[in-house]
Amino acid sequence: MDDVTSSRAANAARTGPLDALALGQAIPFAGDHVAFVTQELAAAFRSGDRLVVVQDSGDLLRIPASEAHAAGSAVARAAAAFAQMGDVSDVAITAFFEAFARRLEDDTVWAAIARANAADVESARSRGRSTTRLALTAGMRRDMVAGLRVWRDAEPSRGRVLEQVAHAGWTVDQLMAPLGVVGFVFEGRPNVFADATGVIRAGNTVVFRIGSDALGTARAIVSHALDPALAEAGLPEGSAVLVDSPAHAAGWAMFSDNRLALAVARGSGPAVAQLGAIARQAGTPVSLHGTGGAWLVADATADAERFYAAVFHSLDRKVCNTLNVCCIVEARVHDLLPVFLDALQAAGARRQGCKLHMTPTDTVRLPEAWRTGRGTVVRADGPVEEALVEPISDADLAHEWEWEETPELSLRIVADVEEAVALFNTYSPRFAASLISDAAAAHARFYEKIDAPFVGDGFTRWVDGQYALDRPELGLSNWQNGRLFARGGVLAGDGVFTVRTRVRQTDLNLDRGGAPTPPRVS
């Protein structure tokens, strides 16, 4: 046996399929760390399953063969569809968005979707799960239809010239081009379907997995609206594919598939971070939209009515851009603290009660009724009686209050705006911040010092792609893990593209060395 053959045989002996795991088996990760197989993982693992080792954390994730197949098949369908998108006209893509919107407007179609959603909501409630984002409302329906028609009416981007450099005898064009298959994992918000399909406007295809709470609703939307719209418009089968599985493992499998051109995740912070780590180690770029919670700061020149309005209108419902932490400077506590409490109570009257968190040092500033009061707080598993105010530390300012019907947030008294900015940059997810101030110089300094992609001067709920930019979003990115390279915090369908370069040569004698074209010799 020669050396090459011997080497190949040795390598073959060291590699092969993973058929089983043993209790306590050491699994290296991150170069110099080791994770150990648990009894539960060892007992569950079967031949054909996959093991994903998350290099950021050492998490050992089992992907059953069935989930790997479900995700892989979905990605394959989307990849096959993308290979055909070059033959699909922008007119056909426009027709798809109109057909999808029209079906959602159809009362018969919507009734079928609503029935599936009602079953999902009831199932979630019975398990003590949150339903604030799960229940489809008339407003969500209108927003979905409006979002689809935004993409219907959007200027097609494929082939759009971003830059042209003219040379003597030739030109170079930089053109927008489709990126490929976009993988999208999102929480139980069925209305996100309209956002996810926006990537088709730029000639991409999409494969998505929705949270298990909303899977029945997702199936109904696909069956009654999405698939018929794709077929009517003549788009390739697989242009938008649902991974039909309630298992988290299906999302892990999808994000570890290197056929994805982009992996987008939105949901809870830890889950999104884990999905992002899986995609990155597969070599796929990510766009993560997890931890939220906006901050509001009132300085010494703050107008009381503007402050009141900003607090009230930032607490209409719980989403990522809801007010989570409010800071009032020491110089205005005497008059702005009562304004804040009035606004919080008004927001609670709009919903069902209110809840406040403060450091013990700050709590003493509250009226006695707040310090000792109790109220009903609506949690995912039902209403409970709790203290109106509970103590926190500064480190707890990092916590995002995921409330159901009872507005809940933290309040911090600060020496000045500089302290508020320092607290934000230390503890917040570096997402959205607003300053209430009558001083232009204060706003300029706040913008320069606050480490946030979204900065305002009023209510925080403006941070939304469709509301602010007239573009349905795939998600809103924070800067918790660093500023984003070459893109904004709002990821929308028309922001998913690559750049291709094309040359048009008119001078046949172009030569890098200056030599003329020699005469042809017959």
Protein backbone atom coordinates (compact mmCIF):
# COMPACT_ATOMS: atom_id res chain seq x y z
CA MET A 1 0.00 0.00 0.00
CA ASP A 2 1.50 3.37 -1.02
CA ASP A 3 1.66 6.37 1.30
CA VAL A 4 -1.34 8.13 -0.28
CA THR A 5 -3.55 5.06 -0.04
CA SER A 6 -2.40 4.44 3.51
CA SER A 7 -3.21 8.04 4.49
CA ARG A 8 -6.70 7.81 3.00
CA ALA A 9 -7.37 4.56 4.81
CA ALA A 10 -6.25 6.12 8.09
CA ASN A 11 -8.53 9.13 7.59
CA ALA A 12 -11.46 6.87 6.76
CA ALA A 13 -10.86 4.98 9.97
CA ARG A 14 -11.03 8.24 11.94
CA THR A 15 -14.30 9.49 10.38
CA GLY A 16 -17.77 8.14 9.85
CA PRO A 17 -21.39 8.65 10.79
CA LEU A 18 -22.33 9.38 14.39
CA ASP A 19 -24.58 6.47 15.35
CA ALA A 20 -24.73 6.80 19.15
CA LEU A 21 -23.72 8.91 22.13
CA ALA A 22 -22.58 7.71 25.55
CA LEU A 23 -23.27 9.21 28.94
CA GLY A 24 -20.39 11.50 29.90
CA GLN A 25 -18.88 11.45 26.40
CA ALA A 26 -16.61 14.47 25.96
CA ILE A 27 -17.45 16.78 23.05
CA PRO A 28 -14.80 19.47 22.39
CA PHE A 29 -15.96 22.95 21.41
CA ALA A 30 -14.51 26.42 20.91
CA GLY A 31 -11.03 24.98 20.58
CA ASP A 32 -10.24 24.56 24.27
CA HIS A 33 -13.52 23.66 26.00
CA VAL A 34 -15.38 20.40 26.52
CA ALA A 35 -19.09 19.64 26.91
CA PHE A 36 -20.31 16.30 28.20
CA VAL A 37 -23.20 14.20 26.95
CA THR A 38 -26.08 13.95 29.43
CA GLN A 39 -28.09 10.82 30.17
CA GLU A 40 -31.12 12.35 28.46
CA LEU A 41 -29.19 13.14 25.27
CA ALA A 42 -27.47 9.74 25.18
CA ALA A 43 -30.78 7.90 25.59
CA ALA A 44 -32.56 9.95 22.93
CA PHE A 45 -29.88 9.91 20.22
CA ARG A 46 -30.46 7.46 17.36
CA SER A 47 -28.58 6.54 14.22
CA GLY A 48 -29.47 9.10 11.56
CA ASP A 49 -29.85 11.92 14.08
CA ARG A 50 -27.54 14.92 13.95
CA LEU A 51 -25.63 16.59 16.76
CA VAL A 52 -25.01 20.33 16.58
CA VAL A 53 -22.36 21.63 18.95
CA VAL A 54 -22.91 25.36 19.48
CA GLN A 55 -19.40 26.76 19.56
CA ASP A 56 -20.44 29.92 21.43
CA SER A 57 -21.94 28.08 24.39
CA GLY A 58 -21.18 24.36 24.22
CA ASP A 59 -24.88 23.53 23.92
CA LEU A 60 -25.34 20.02 22.51
CA LEU A 61 -28.41 20.02 20.30
CA ARG A 62 -29.94 16.82 18.97
CA ILE A 63 -31.67 17.10 15.61
CA PRO A 64 -33.81 13.99 15.01
CA ALA A 65 -33.55 12.56 11.52
CA SER A 66 -37.20 13.45 10.85
CA GLU A 67 -36.62 17.13 11.67
CA ALA A 68 -33.43 17.24 9.61
CA HIS A 69 -35.39 15.80 6.69
CA ALA A 70 -38.28 18.27 7.11
CA ALA A 71 -35.96 21.28 7.15
CA GLY A 72 -33.65 19.96 4.45
CA SER A 73 -36.54 19.22 2.10
CA ALA A 74 -37.96 22.70 2.60
CA VAL A 75 -34.61 24.36 1.91
CA ALA A 76 -34.16 22.17 -1.16
CA ARG A 77 -37.50 23.29 -2.55
CA ALA A 78 -36.63 26.95 -1.96
CA ALA A 79 -33.20 26.47 -3.56
CA ALA A 80 -34.77 24.84 -6.60
CA ALA A 81 -37.24 27.72 -6.87
CA PHE A 82 -34.44 30.28 -6.65
CA ALA A 83 -32.68 28.59 -9.57
CA GLN A 84 -35.78 29.38 -11.64
CA MET A 85 -36.33 32.95 -10.46
CA GLY A 86 -34.17 34.35 -13.25
CA ASP A 87 -36.98 33.40 -15.63
CA VAL A 88 -39.66 35.05 -13.49
CA SER A 89 -40.67 38.55 -14.52
CA ASP A 90 -41.14 41.44 -12.11
CA VAL A 91 -44.72 41.60 -13.39
CA ALA A 92 -45.32 38.07 -12.10
CA ILE A 93 -43.82 38.98 -8.73
CA THR A 94 -46.11 42.00 -8.56
CA ALA A 95 -49.07 39.75 -9.37
CA PHE A 96 -48.11 37.41 -6.51
CA PHE A 97 -48.29 40.14 -3.88
CA GLU A 98 -51.67 41.33 -5.17
CA ALA A 99 -53.02 37.78 -5.26
CA PHE A 100 -51.82 37.12 -1.70
CA ALA A 101 -53.36 40.38 -0.45
CA ARG A 102 -56.63 39.73 -2.26
CA ARG A 103 -56.99 36.31 -0.67
CA LEU A 104 -56.45 37.73 2.80
CA GLU A 105 -59.21 40.25 2.04
CA ASP A 106 -61.57 37.44 1.04
CA ASP A 107 -63.90 36.85 4.00
CA THR A 108 -64.27 33.14 3.25
CA VAL A 109 -60.50 32.65 3.19
CA TRP A 110 -60.05 34.76 6.30
CA ALA A 111 -62.73 32.81 8.16
CA ALA A 112 -60.76 29.60 7.65
CA ILE A 113 -57.56 31.28 8.85
CA ALA A 114 -59.39 32.81 11.83
CA ARG A 115 -60.74 29.39 12.87
CA ALA A 116 -57.24 27.94 12.87
CA ASN A 117 -55.98 30.94 14.83
CA ALA A 118 -58.72 30.62 17.44
CA ALA A 119 -57.69 27.00 17.99
CA ASP A 120 -54.04 28.07 18.34
CA VAL A 121 -54.97 30.79 20.85
CA GLU A 122 -57.08 28.41 22.93
CA SER A 123 -54.31 25.81 22.95
CA ALA A 124 -51.74 28.41 24.01
CA ARG A 125 -53.96 29.73 26.80
CA SER A 126 -54.55 26.22 28.14
CA ARG A 127 -50.79 25.80 28.43
CA GLY A 128 -50.23 29.17 30.12
CA ARG A 129 -48.56 30.62 27.05
CA SER A 130 -48.61 34.27 25.98
CA THR A 131 -51.23 35.11 23.37
CA THR A 132 -50.71 38.87 23.00
CA ARG A 133 -48.92 38.45 19.66
CA LEU A 134 -50.63 35.24 18.61
CA ALA A 135 -54.23 36.36 18.22
CA LEU A 136 -55.04 37.65 14.75
CA THR A 137 -57.05 40.87 14.87
CA ALA A 138 -58.75 43.01 12.27
CA GLY A 139 -55.86 45.44 12.60
CA MET A 140 -53.31 42.72 11.89
CA ARG A 141 -55.31 41.67 8.85
CA ARG A 142 -55.30 45.24 7.53
CA ASP A 143 -51.57 45.55 8.17
CA MET A 144 -50.82 42.28 6.38
CA VAL A 145 -52.81 43.34 3.34
CA ALA A 146 -51.26 46.82 3.36
CA GLY A 147 -47.77 45.35 3.70
CA LEU A 148 -48.26 43.02 0.75
CA ARG A 149 -49.45 45.91 -1.36
CA VAL A 150 -46.40 47.94 -0.37
CA TRP A 151 -44.34 45.23 -2.04
CA ARG A 152 -46.79 45.04 -4.94
CA ASP A 153 -46.23 48.72 -5.63
CA ALA A 154 -42.51 48.83 -4.82
CA GLU A 155 -40.11 49.55 -7.65
CA PRO A 156 -38.47 46.29 -8.73
CA SER A 157 -34.88 46.19 -7.58
CA ARG A 158 -33.38 43.41 -9.67
CA GLY A 159 -30.90 44.89 -12.09
CA ARG A 160 -31.10 48.38 -10.57
CA VAL A 161 -27.84 50.24 -11.26
CA LEU A 162 -26.28 51.36 -8.00
CA GLU A 163 -23.19 52.89 -9.54
CA GLN A 164 -21.68 53.33 -13.00
CA VAL A 165 -18.04 54.07 -13.73
CA ALA A 166 -17.36 55.24 -17.27
CA HIS A 167 -14.00 54.63 -18.91
CA ALA A 168 -12.83 55.38 -22.42
CA GLY A 169 -14.23 52.52 -24.46
CA TRP A 170 -15.94 50.67 -21.60
CA THR A 171 -18.25 51.08 -18.60
CA VAL A 172 -18.61 49.23 -15.31
CA ASP A 173 -22.03 48.88 -13.68
CA GLN A 174 -22.72 47.84 -10.08
CA LEU A 175 -26.16 46.24 -10.03
CA MET A 176 -28.54 44.96 -7.37
CA ALA A 177 -29.16 41.23 -7.65
CA PRO A 178 -31.05 38.60 -5.65
CA LEU A 179 -29.17 37.08 -2.73
CA GLY A 180 -30.65 33.57 -2.71
CA VAL A 181 -32.60 31.50 -0.20
CA VAL A 182 -33.51 33.37 2.98
CA GLY A 183 -34.14 31.27 6.08
CA PHE A 184 -36.53 32.89 8.53
CA VAL A 185 -37.43 31.73 12.04
CA PHE A 186 -39.96 33.82 13.91
CA GLU A 187 -42.09 33.68 17.01
CA GLY A 188 -45.81 32.99 17.13
CA ARG A 189 -46.89 36.07 15.19
CA PRO A 190 -48.81 34.90 12.10
CA ASN A 191 -48.85 38.38 10.57
CA VAL A 192 -45.10 38.07 9.99
CA PHE A 193 -45.91 36.01 6.89
CA ALA A 194 -46.45 39.22 4.93
CA ASP A 195 -43.07 40.50 6.08
CA ALA A 196 -41.26 37.25 5.27
CA THR A 197 -42.51 37.04 1.70
CA GLY A 198 -41.23 40.55 1.03
CA VAL A 199 -37.85 39.08 0.06
CA ILE A 200 -39.50 37.73 -3.11
CA ARG A 201 -39.78 41.33 -4.39
CA ALA A 202 -36.02 41.33 -4.96
CA GLY A 203 -36.06 37.88 -6.59
CA ASN A 204 -35.16 35.84 -3.52
CA THR A 205 -36.97 32.81 -2.16
CA VAL A 206 -37.79 32.14 1.48
CA VAL A 207 -38.14 29.16 3.79
CA PHE A 208 -39.53 29.81 7.24
CA ARG A 209 -40.40 28.16 10.51
CA ILE A 210 -42.94 29.69 12.85
CA GLY A 211 -43.26 29.11 16.59
CA SER A 212 -45.28 26.05 17.56
CA ASP A 213 -48.04 28.17 19.13
CA ALA A 214 -48.97 29.59 15.70
CA LEU A 215 -48.31 26.57 13.50
CA GLY A 216 -51.99 25.84 12.87
CA THR A 217 -52.56 29.42 11.76
CA ALA A 218 -49.48 29.25 9.55
CA ARG A 219 -50.72 26.09 7.87
CA ALA A 220 -54.05 27.77 7.14
CA ILE A 221 -52.40 30.86 5.66
CA VAL A 222 -50.21 28.69 3.44
CA SER A 223 -53.07 26.48 2.32
CA HIS A 224 -55.73 29.13 1.75
CA ALA A 225 -53.71 32.17 0.68
CA LEU A 226 -49.98 31.81 0.11
CA ASP A 227 -49.75 28.70 -2.07
CA PRO A 228 -52.75 29.68 -4.24
CA ALA A 229 -51.22 33.14 -4.77
CA LEU A 230 -47.88 31.66 -5.84
CA ALA A 231 -49.64 29.35 -8.28
CA GLU A 232 -51.87 32.10 -9.70
CA ALA A 233 -48.91 34.38 -10.35
CA GLY A 234 -46.87 31.60 -11.92
CA LEU A 235 -44.00 31.72 -9.45
CA PRO A 236 -41.96 28.53 -9.01
CA GLU A 237 -43.25 26.04 -6.48
CA GLY A 238 -41.12 26.49 -3.39
CA SER A 239 -40.69 30.26 -3.70
CA ALA A 240 -42.02 30.48 -0.14
CA VAL A 241 -41.95 27.31 1.96
CA LEU A 242 -43.13 26.59 5.50
CA VAL A 243 -41.11 24.07 7.50
CA ASP A 244 -44.13 22.17 8.79
CA SER A 245 -42.82 21.18 12.21
CA PRO A 246 -43.46 22.39 15.76
CA ALA A 247 -40.01 21.28 16.95
CA HIS A 248 -37.21 23.71 17.77
CA ALA A 249 -34.89 21.15 16.19
CA ALA A 250 -36.37 21.94 12.78
CA GLY A 251 -35.15 25.53 13.18
CA TRP A 252 -31.71 24.31 14.26
CA ALA A 253 -31.57 22.06 11.19
CA MET A 254 -32.65 24.85 8.86
CA PHE A 255 -30.10 27.33 10.21
CA SER A 256 -27.29 24.78 9.97
CA ASP A 257 -28.01 24.31 6.24
CA ASN A 258 -25.29 26.10 4.27
CA ARG A 259 -27.59 26.50 1.27
CA LEU A 260 -29.10 29.52 3.01
CA ALA A 261 -27.85 32.88 1.76
CA LEU A 262 -29.11 34.67 4.88
CA ALA A 263 -30.51 33.47 8.21
CA VAL A 264 -33.03 35.77 9.90
CA ALA A 265 -34.33 35.09 13.40
CA ARG A 266 -36.69 37.02 15.61
CA GLY A 267 -38.16 36.06 18.95
CA SER A 268 -36.79 35.78 22.47
CA GLY A 269 -33.22 36.91 23.10
CA PRO A 270 -31.60 33.57 24.12
CA ALA A 271 -33.34 31.58 21.37
CA VAL A 272 -32.37 34.10 18.70
CA ALA A 273 -28.76 34.20 19.92
CA GLN A 274 -28.55 30.40 19.76
CA LEU A 275 -29.99 30.28 16.24
CA GLY A 276 -27.56 32.98 15.14
CA ALA A 277 -24.62 31.02 16.51
CA ILE A 278 -25.75 27.90 14.63
CA ALA A 279 -26.03 29.79 11.34
CA ARG A 280 -22.71 31.60 11.75
CA GLN A 281 -20.79 28.39 12.34
CA ALA A 282 -22.40 27.00 9.17
CA GLY A 283 -20.94 29.98 7.32
CA THR A 284 -24.26 31.78 6.80
CA PRO A 285 -24.59 35.51 7.48
CA VAL A 286 -27.25 36.35 10.04
CA SER A 287 -29.71 39.08 10.86
CA LEU A 288 -30.89 38.71 14.45
CA HIS A 289 -33.87 40.42 16.01
CA GLY A 290 -34.25 39.33 19.61
CA THR A 291 -34.06 41.33 22.82
CA GLY A 292 -35.96 44.62 22.72
CA GLY A 293 -37.17 47.20 25.17
CA ALA A 294 -36.96 50.96 24.61
CA TRP A 295 -35.61 53.63 26.97
CA LEU A 296 -36.97 57.14 27.53
CA VAL A 297 -35.03 59.95 29.22
CA ALA A 298 -36.46 63.26 30.51
CA ASP A 299 -33.91 66.00 31.12
CA ALA A 300 -34.02 69.25 33.08
CA THR A 301 -35.70 71.14 30.22
CA ALA A 302 -38.31 68.48 29.42
CA ASP A 303 -41.82 69.69 28.64
CA ALA A 304 -44.21 67.92 31.03
CA GLU A 305 -47.01 67.42 28.48
CA ARG A 306 -44.62 66.00 25.90
CA PHE A 307 -43.20 63.65 28.53
CA TYR A 308 -46.68 62.54 29.60
CA ALA A 309 -47.68 61.83 26.00
CA ALA A 310 -44.45 59.95 25.24
CA VAL A 311 -44.87 57.62 28.24
CA PHE A 312 -48.56 56.97 27.58
CA HIS A 313 -48.24 56.30 23.85
CA SER A 314 -45.18 54.07 24.36
CA LEU A 315 -47.19 51.59 26.45
CA ASP A 316 -50.17 50.74 24.21
CA ARG A 317 -49.07 47.10 23.79
CA LYS A 318 -46.03 44.91 24.42
CA VAL A 319 -43.70 44.55 21.47
CA CYS A 320 -39.98 45.13 21.03
CA ASN A 321 -40.25 48.93 20.86
CA THR A 322 -42.44 49.30 23.95
CA LEU A 323 -41.08 51.55 26.70
CA ASN A 324 -39.13 49.35 29.12
CA VAL A 325 -36.98 51.79 31.14
CA CYS A 326 -37.67 55.45 31.91
CA CYS A 327 -35.11 57.85 33.41
CA ILE A 328 -35.90 61.20 35.04
CA VAL A 329 -33.14 63.61 35.99
CA GLU A 330 -32.87 64.54 39.68
CA ALA A 331 -33.54 68.23 38.99
CA ARG A 332 -37.08 67.46 37.76
CA VAL A 333 -38.19 64.65 40.06
CA HIS A 334 -40.48 66.96 42.02
CA ASP A 335 -42.73 67.66 39.03
CA LEU A 336 -42.01 64.95 36.44
CA LEU A 337 -42.38 61.95 38.74
CA PRO A 338 -46.10 62.72 39.27
CA VAL A 339 -46.44 63.21 35.50
CA PHE A 340 -44.84 59.82 34.88
CA LEU A 341 -47.13 58.09 37.41
CA ASP A 342 -50.19 59.74 35.86
CA ALA A 343 -49.14 58.56 32.40
CA LEU A 344 -48.49 55.03 33.66
CA GLN A 345 -51.89 54.90 35.34
CA ALA A 346 -53.52 56.18 32.14
CA ALA A 347 -51.75 53.46 30.14
CA GLY A 348 -52.94 50.94 32.73
CA ALA A 349 -56.52 52.18 32.39
CA ARG A 350 -56.22 51.62 28.64
CA ARG A 351 -55.16 48.02 29.33
CA GLN A 352 -55.51 46.29 32.73
CA GLY A 353 -53.54 47.80 35.61
CA CYS A 354 -49.86 48.70 35.76
CA LYS A 355 -46.61 47.54 37.36
CA LEU A 356 -43.44 49.46 38.24
CA HIS A 357 -39.89 48.46 39.17
CA MET A 358 -37.43 50.81 40.92
CA THR A 359 -34.24 50.65 42.93
CA PRO A 360 -34.84 50.87 46.72
CA THR A 361 -33.12 54.26 46.77
CA ASP A 362 -35.54 55.63 44.20
CA THR A 363 -38.65 53.96 45.63
CA VAL A 364 -38.68 56.33 48.63
CA ARG A 365 -39.57 59.16 46.22
CA LEU A 366 -42.95 57.56 45.51
CA PRO A 367 -46.20 58.48 47.23
CA GLU A 368 -47.22 56.10 50.02
CA ALA A 369 -50.08 54.67 47.94
CA TRP A 370 -47.59 53.47 45.33
CA ARG A 371 -45.04 52.14 47.81
CA THR A 372 -47.55 49.99 49.68
CA GLY A 373 -50.22 49.44 47.04
CA ARG A 374 -51.17 46.18 45.37
CA GLY A 375 -52.97 45.52 42.13
CA THR A 376 -54.05 42.88 39.65
CA VAL A 377 -51.45 41.97 37.05
CA VAL A 378 -52.49 39.92 34.02
CA ARG A 379 -49.87 37.25 33.39
CA ALA A 380 -49.79 34.59 30.66
CA ASP A 381 -51.34 32.05 33.04
CA GLY A 382 -54.00 34.46 34.33
CA PRO A 383 -54.49 37.45 36.65
CA VAL A 384 -52.58 37.59 39.94
CA GLU A 385 -52.39 40.11 42.77
CA GLU A 386 -48.96 41.69 43.14
CA ALA A 387 -47.29 44.72 44.66
CA LEU A 388 -47.60 47.84 42.49
CA VAL A 389 -43.86 48.50 42.88
CA GLU A 390 -41.07 45.98 43.31
CA PRO A 391 -37.37 46.64 43.97
CA ILE A 392 -34.64 46.03 41.39
CA SER A 393 -30.92 46.64 41.10
CA ASP A 394 -29.25 48.57 38.31
CA ALA A 395 -28.31 45.27 36.70
CA ASP A 396 -32.03 44.50 36.40
CA LEU A 397 -32.38 47.44 34.01
CA ALA A 398 -31.23 44.90 31.41
CA HIS A 399 -34.42 42.88 31.90
CA GLU A 400 -37.12 43.23 29.26
CA TRP A 401 -40.57 43.07 30.86
CA GLU A 402 -42.68 40.75 28.71
CA TRP A 403 -46.14 41.80 29.85
CA GLU A 404 -49.49 40.58 28.64
CA GLU A 405 -52.23 43.13 29.44
CA THR A 406 -50.61 45.02 32.33
CA PRO A 407 -48.06 47.71 31.30
CA GLU A 408 -44.83 47.02 33.17
CA LEU A 409 -41.54 48.93 33.17
CA SER A 410 -38.62 50.21 35.24
CA LEU A 411 -38.04 53.77 36.45
CA ARG A 412 -34.63 55.16 37.39
CA ILE A 413 -33.83 58.58 38.88
CA VAL A 414 -30.53 59.81 37.43
CA ALA A 415 -28.21 62.70 38.24
CA ASP A 416 -28.22 63.88 34.63
CA VAL A 417 -28.60 62.70 31.04
CA GLU A 418 -24.97 61.53 31.01
CA GLU A 419 -25.75 59.00 33.74
CA ALA A 420 -28.83 57.82 31.85
CA VAL A 421 -26.75 57.34 28.70
CA ALA A 422 -24.10 55.42 30.65
CA LEU A 423 -26.77 53.13 32.13
CA PHE A 424 -28.30 52.59 28.69
CA ASN A 425 -24.94 51.75 27.10
CA THR A 426 -24.14 49.35 29.96
CA TYR A 427 -27.40 47.52 30.61
CA SER A 428 -29.79 47.94 27.69
CA PRO A 429 -29.82 45.80 24.53
CA ARG A 430 -28.77 49.00 22.74
CA PHE A 431 -31.95 49.23 20.76
CA ALA A 432 -34.19 52.31 20.96
CA ALA A 433 -33.86 55.49 23.00
CA SER A 434 -35.76 58.79 23.20
CA LEU A 435 -34.88 62.06 24.88
CA ILE A 436 -37.51 64.52 26.04
CA SER A 437 -35.79 67.90 26.08
CA ASP A 438 -36.36 71.43 24.85
CA ALA A 439 -32.63 71.96 24.25
CA ALA A 440 -31.33 71.34 20.72
CA ALA A 441 -27.78 70.94 22.03
CA ALA A 442 -28.97 68.23 24.44
CA HIS A 443 -30.52 66.27 21.57
CA ALA A 444 -27.33 66.57 19.52
CA ARG A 445 -25.18 65.32 22.40
CA PHE A 446 -27.66 62.53 23.23
CA TYR A 447 -27.54 61.29 19.63
CA GLU A 448 -23.75 61.28 19.59
CA LYS A 449 -23.34 59.51 22.95
CA ILE A 450 -26.19 56.96 23.01
CA ASP A 451 -25.16 53.64 21.46
CA ALA A 452 -28.45 52.85 19.73
CA PRO A 453 -29.55 52.45 16.11
CA PHE A 454 -32.94 54.07 16.79
CA VAL A 455 -33.02 57.50 18.45
CA GLY A 456 -36.01 59.79 18.88
CA ASP A 457 -37.51 62.74 20.76
CA GLY A 458 -40.95 61.39 21.65
CA PHE A 459 -42.79 58.09 21.96
CA THR A 460 -40.77 54.92 21.32
CA ARG A 461 -43.30 52.92 19.33
CA TRP A 462 -42.30 54.63 16.07
CA VAL A 463 -39.50 52.08 15.69
CA ASP A 464 -41.14 49.92 13.03
CA GLY A 465 -40.28 49.42 9.38
CA GLN A 466 -43.81 49.60 8.03
CA TYR A 467 -44.91 52.45 10.31
CA ALA A 468 -41.80 54.61 9.89
CA LEU A 469 -40.38 53.70 6.49
CA ASP A 470 -43.41 52.31 4.63
CA ARG A 471 -41.54 49.01 4.27
CA PRO A 472 -42.77 45.85 6.02
CA GLU A 473 -39.84 44.61 8.06
CA LEU A 474 -38.34 41.18 8.56
CA GLY A 475 -37.09 42.47 11.87
CA LEU A 476 -35.42 45.22 13.87
CA SER A 477 -31.83 44.67 14.96
CA ASN A 478 -30.37 46.00 18.17
CA TRP A 479 -26.67 46.70 18.74
CA GLN A 480 -26.34 44.34 21.70
CA ASN A 481 -23.61 42.42 19.89
CA GLY A 482 -22.07 45.36 18.07
CA ARG A 483 -23.01 47.74 15.31
CA LEU A 484 -24.19 46.29 12.02
CA PHE A 485 -21.91 46.19 9.01
CA ALA A 486 -23.10 48.18 6.00
CA ARG A 487 -26.82 48.08 6.76
CA GLY A 488 -29.43 49.67 8.98
CA GLY A 489 -31.29 48.20 11.91
CA VAL A 490 -34.48 47.77 9.87
CA LEU A 491 -34.24 44.70 7.67
CA ALA A 492 -36.90 44.76 4.95
CA GLY A 493 -37.46 42.65 1.89
CA ASP A 494 -35.77 45.11 -0.44
CA GLY A 495 -32.69 45.10 1.78
CA VAL A 496 -31.90 41.46 0.99
CA PHE A 497 -29.69 41.64 -2.06
CA THR A 498 -26.17 41.23 -3.34
CA VAL A 499 -24.24 43.38 -5.80
CA ARG A 500 -23.08 42.07 -9.17
CA THR A 501 -20.67 43.85 -11.48
CA ARG A 502 -21.10 43.93 -15.25
CA VAL A 503 -18.84 45.41 -17.91
CA ARG A 504 -19.90 46.80 -21.29
CA GLN A 505 -16.94 47.06 -23.67
CA THR A 506 -17.18 49.17 -26.83
CA ASP A 507 -13.46 49.50 -27.64
CA LEU A 508 -12.20 46.16 -28.95
CA ASN A 509 -8.56 47.26 -28.54
CA LEU A 510 -8.57 47.43 -24.74
CA ASP A 511 -5.35 45.88 -23.48
CA ARG A 512 -3.78 46.24 -20.02
CA GLY A 513 -0.33 46.33 -21.59
CA GLY A 514 -1.24 48.80 -24.34
CA ALA A 515 -0.77 46.37 -27.24
CA PRO A 516 -3.01 46.89 -30.27
CA THR A 517 -5.15 44.09 -31.64
CA PRO A 518 -3.03 42.24 -34.20
CA PRO A 519 -4.50 41.60 -37.65
CA ARG A 520 -6.20 38.24 -38.08
CA VAL A 521 -4.23 35.66 -39.93
CA SER A 522 -6.49 33.56 -42.10
